[in-house]
Amino acid sequence: FSPTQSVVGHMYVRRHKPKFWESVHRVFTHGVHNPLQMLVLDRIKYQLGYPEASRDMVVPKSVLTAVEQYSMGNKRPLEEYLRIVGLNMTTKEVTYTAWCEDGQVPPGFEKYVSLYE
């Protein structure tokens, strides 16, 4: 989903309030990715179809608890969405970005061209 105008915001500055990325190190050790982040990344990679995060490779298996319930939705198959936005999870390549960089209509959405004018 890529709206043409801002519909949601996020306050990145909350002085004197803990943030997830800061407070997680109170439990885990420091690093670029800590153990909690790695669990979350494995779940997301599974949802996006990364080959190295297939169901039989994710450990612990509890990372995938209720993954179908809280997943990518059902409006279109994941493969179609990845094709539209130009992402290939198997080869780790970005193949098409004009919809984002230049505001061009994504392939298959030509009937919505008026929204891009």
C-alpha atoms as a PDB file:
ATOM      1  CA  PHE A   1       0.000   0.000   0.000  1.00  0.00           C
ATOM      2  CA  SER A   2       1.473   3.310  -1.015  1.00  0.00           C
ATOM      3  CA  PRO A   3      -0.882   6.275  -0.543  1.00  0.00           C
ATOM      4  CA  THR A   4      -0.251   9.428  -2.542  1.00  0.00           C
ATOM      5  CA  GLN A   5      -0.593  11.585   0.553  1.00  0.00           C
ATOM      6  CA  SER A   6       0.290  11.104   4.205  1.00  0.00           C
ATOM      7  CA  VAL A   7      -2.415   9.350   6.174  1.00  0.00           C
ATOM      8  CA  VAL A   8      -0.461   8.248   9.265  1.00  0.00           C
ATOM      9  CA  GLY A   9       2.408   9.699  11.218  1.00  0.00           C
ATOM     10  CA  HIS A  10       4.851   8.549  13.861  1.00  0.00           C
ATOM     11  CA  MET A  11       6.493  10.517  16.631  1.00  0.00           C
ATOM     12  CA  TYR A  12      10.154   9.517  16.574  1.00  0.00           C
ATOM     13  CA  VAL A  13      11.015  11.847  19.424  1.00  0.00           C
ATOM     14  CA  ARG A  14       9.622  11.023  22.846  1.00  0.00           C
ATOM     15  CA  ARG A  15      12.115  12.549  25.199  1.00  0.00           C
ATOM     16  CA  HIS A  16      12.579  10.745  28.478  1.00  0.00           C
ATOM     17  CA  LYS A  17      10.345   7.835  27.362  1.00  0.00           C
ATOM     18  CA  PRO A  18      11.679   4.353  26.565  1.00  0.00           C
ATOM     19  CA  LYS A  19      11.499   3.157  22.979  1.00  0.00           C
ATOM     20  CA  PHE A  20      11.395  -0.478  21.841  1.00  0.00           C
ATOM     21  CA  TRP A  21      14.792  -0.347  20.163  1.00  0.00           C
ATOM     22  CA  GLU A  22      16.332   1.135  23.309  1.00  0.00           C
ATOM     23  CA  SER A  23      14.556  -0.866  25.993  1.00  0.00           C
ATOM     24  CA  VAL A  24      15.127  -4.259  24.397  1.00  0.00           C
ATOM     25  CA  HIS A  25      18.806  -4.092  25.389  1.00  0.00           C
ATOM     26  CA  ARG A  26      17.793  -4.052  29.029  1.00  0.00           C
ATOM     27  CA  VAL A  27      16.991  -7.755  28.617  1.00  0.00           C
ATOM     28  CA  PHE A  28      19.245  -8.809  25.740  1.00  0.00           C
ATOM     29  CA  THR A  29      22.829  -7.974  24.851  1.00  0.00           C
ATOM     30  CA  HIS A  30      23.788  -5.168  22.487  1.00  0.00           C
ATOM     31  CA  GLY A  31      24.274  -5.678  18.776  1.00  0.00           C
ATOM     32  CA  VAL A  32      22.971  -4.634  15.385  1.00  0.00           C
ATOM     33  CA  HIS A  33      20.239  -7.227  15.760  1.00  0.00           C
ATOM     34  CA  ASN A  34      19.508  -8.592  19.178  1.00  0.00           C
ATOM     35  CA  PRO A  35      17.843 -11.992  19.811  1.00  0.00           C
ATOM     36  CA  LEU A  36      14.327 -10.559  19.958  1.00  0.00           C
ATOM     37  CA  GLN A  37      14.772  -8.694  16.688  1.00  0.00           C
ATOM     38  CA  MET A  38      16.132 -11.852  15.043  1.00  0.00           C
ATOM     39  CA  LEU A  39      12.985 -13.760  16.055  1.00  0.00           C
ATOM     40  CA  VAL A  40      10.801 -11.045  14.570  1.00  0.00           C
ATOM     41  CA  LEU A  41      12.908 -10.913  11.391  1.00  0.00           C
ATOM     42  CA  ASP A  42      12.611 -14.681  10.931  1.00  0.00           C
ATOM     43  CA  ARG A  43       8.822 -14.422  11.166  1.00  0.00           C
ATOM     44  CA  ILE A  44       8.687 -11.560   8.655  1.00  0.00           C
ATOM     45  CA  LYS A  45      11.062 -13.328   6.274  1.00  0.00           C
ATOM     46  CA  TYR A  46       8.823 -16.406   6.428  1.00  0.00           C
ATOM     47  CA  GLN A  47       5.776 -14.265   5.630  1.00  0.00           C
ATOM     48  CA  LEU A  48       7.548 -12.672   2.665  1.00  0.00           C
ATOM     49  CA  GLY A  49       8.706 -15.984   1.227  1.00  0.00           C
ATOM     50  CA  TYR A  50      12.462 -15.869   1.816  1.00  0.00           C
ATOM     51  CA  PRO A  51      13.771 -19.363   0.971  1.00  0.00           C
ATOM     52  CA  GLU A  52      16.040 -19.427   4.029  1.00  0.00           C
ATOM     53  CA  ALA A  53      13.024 -18.791   6.272  1.00  0.00           C
ATOM     54  CA  SER A  54      10.791 -21.637   5.098  1.00  0.00           C
ATOM     55  CA  ARG A  55       8.611 -23.281   7.747  1.00  0.00           C
ATOM     56  CA  ASP A  56      11.004 -26.198   8.253  1.00  0.00           C
ATOM     57  CA  MET A  57      14.000 -23.877   8.754  1.00  0.00           C
ATOM     58  CA  VAL A  58      12.576 -21.403  11.287  1.00  0.00           C
ATOM     59  CA  VAL A  59      13.691 -22.064  14.874  1.00  0.00           C
ATOM     60  CA  PRO A  60      12.033 -21.983  17.319  1.00  0.00           C
ATOM     61  CA  LYS A  61       8.792 -23.114  15.690  1.00  0.00           C
ATOM     62  CA  SER A  62       6.831 -20.904  18.112  1.00  0.00           C
ATOM     63  CA  VAL A  63       7.961 -17.908  16.028  1.00  0.00           C
ATOM     64  CA  LEU A  64       5.300 -18.944  13.522  1.00  0.00           C
ATOM     65  CA  THR A  65       2.464 -19.179  16.055  1.00  0.00           C
ATOM     66  CA  ALA A  66      -0.753 -17.817  14.462  1.00  0.00           C
ATOM     67  CA  VAL A  67       1.258 -16.611  11.454  1.00  0.00           C
ATOM     68  CA  GLU A  68      -1.672 -17.236   9.101  1.00  0.00           C
ATOM     69  CA  GLN A  69      -3.970 -15.197  11.333  1.00  0.00           C
ATOM     70  CA  TYR A  70      -1.595 -12.221  11.472  1.00  0.00           C
ATOM     71  CA  SER A  71      -0.094 -12.288   8.019  1.00  0.00           C
ATOM     72  CA  MET A  72      -0.137 -10.555   4.667  1.00  0.00           C
ATOM     73  CA  GLY A  73      -3.882 -10.465   4.015  1.00  0.00           C
ATOM     74  CA  ASN A  74      -5.950 -12.073   1.298  1.00  0.00           C
ATOM     75  CA  LYS A  75      -6.628  -9.403  -1.355  1.00  0.00           C
ATOM     76  CA  ARG A  76      -4.006 -10.874  -3.702  1.00  0.00           C
ATOM     77  CA  PRO A  77      -1.392 -13.639  -3.564  1.00  0.00           C
ATOM     78  CA  LEU A  78       1.972 -12.605  -2.141  1.00  0.00           C
ATOM     79  CA  GLU A  79       3.653 -13.484  -5.452  1.00  0.00           C
ATOM     80  CA  GLU A  80       1.429 -10.987  -7.290  1.00  0.00           C
ATOM     81  CA  TYR A  81       2.157  -8.218  -4.785  1.00  0.00           C
ATOM     82  CA  LEU A  82       5.912  -8.845  -5.008  1.00  0.00           C
ATOM     83  CA  ARG A  83       5.704  -8.707  -8.817  1.00  0.00           C
ATOM     84  CA  ILE A  84       3.751  -5.429  -8.690  1.00  0.00           C
ATOM     85  CA  VAL A  85       6.283  -3.721  -6.423  1.00  0.00           C
ATOM     86  CA  GLY A  86       9.279  -5.322  -8.139  1.00  0.00           C
ATOM     87  CA  LEU A  87      10.715  -7.516  -5.399  1.00  0.00           C
ATOM     88  CA  ASN A  88      12.208 -10.973  -5.831  1.00  0.00           C
ATOM     89  CA  MET A  89      12.763 -12.655  -2.470  1.00  0.00           C
ATOM     90  CA  THR A  90      14.530 -15.667  -3.974  1.00  0.00           C
ATOM     91  CA  THR A  91      17.227 -13.673  -5.796  1.00  0.00           C
ATOM     92  CA  LYS A  92      17.070 -10.724  -3.361  1.00  0.00           C
ATOM     93  CA  GLU A  93      16.651  -8.297  -6.245  1.00  0.00           C
ATOM     94  CA  VAL A  94      14.583  -5.178  -6.775  1.00  0.00           C
ATOM     95  CA  THR A  95      13.352  -5.268 -10.349  1.00  0.00           C
ATOM     96  CA  TYR A  96      10.917  -2.368 -10.639  1.00  0.00           C
ATOM     97  CA  THR A  97      10.721   0.835  -8.592  1.00  0.00           C
ATOM     98  CA  ALA A  98       9.187   3.441 -10.903  1.00  0.00           C
ATOM     99  CA  TRP A  99       5.890   3.184  -8.989  1.00  0.00           C
ATOM    100  CA  CYS A 100       7.735   4.493  -5.934  1.00  0.00           C
ATOM    101  CA  GLU A 101      10.519   6.677  -7.306  1.00  0.00           C
ATOM    102  CA  ASP A 102       8.690   8.298 -10.216  1.00  0.00           C
ATOM    103  CA  GLY A 103       5.045   7.915  -9.185  1.00  0.00           C
ATOM    104  CA  GLN A 104       4.257   5.688 -12.164  1.00  0.00           C
ATOM    105  CA  VAL A 105       1.283   3.349 -12.128  1.00  0.00           C
ATOM    106  CA  PRO A 106       2.346  -0.183 -11.099  1.00  0.00           C
ATOM    107  CA  PRO A 107       1.879  -2.945 -13.690  1.00  0.00           C
ATOM    108  CA  GLY A 108      -1.710  -4.166 -13.731  1.00  0.00           C
ATOM    109  CA  PHE A 109      -3.120  -0.987 -12.183  1.00  0.00           C
ATOM    110  CA  GLU A 110      -3.418   1.115 -15.323  1.00  0.00           C
ATOM    111  CA  LYS A 111      -7.130   1.669 -14.688  1.00  0.00           C
ATOM    112  CA  TYR A 112      -6.100   3.844 -11.714  1.00  0.00           C
ATOM    113  CA  VAL A 113      -3.881   6.174 -13.762  1.00  0.00           C
ATOM    114  CA  SER A 114      -6.089   9.150 -12.822  1.00  0.00           C
ATOM    115  CA  LEU A 115      -4.986   8.763  -9.196  1.00  0.00           C
ATOM    116  CA  TYR A 116      -1.384   9.383 -10.249  1.00  0.00           C
ATOM    117  CA  GLU A 117      -2.023  12.692 -12.013  1.00  0.00           C
END
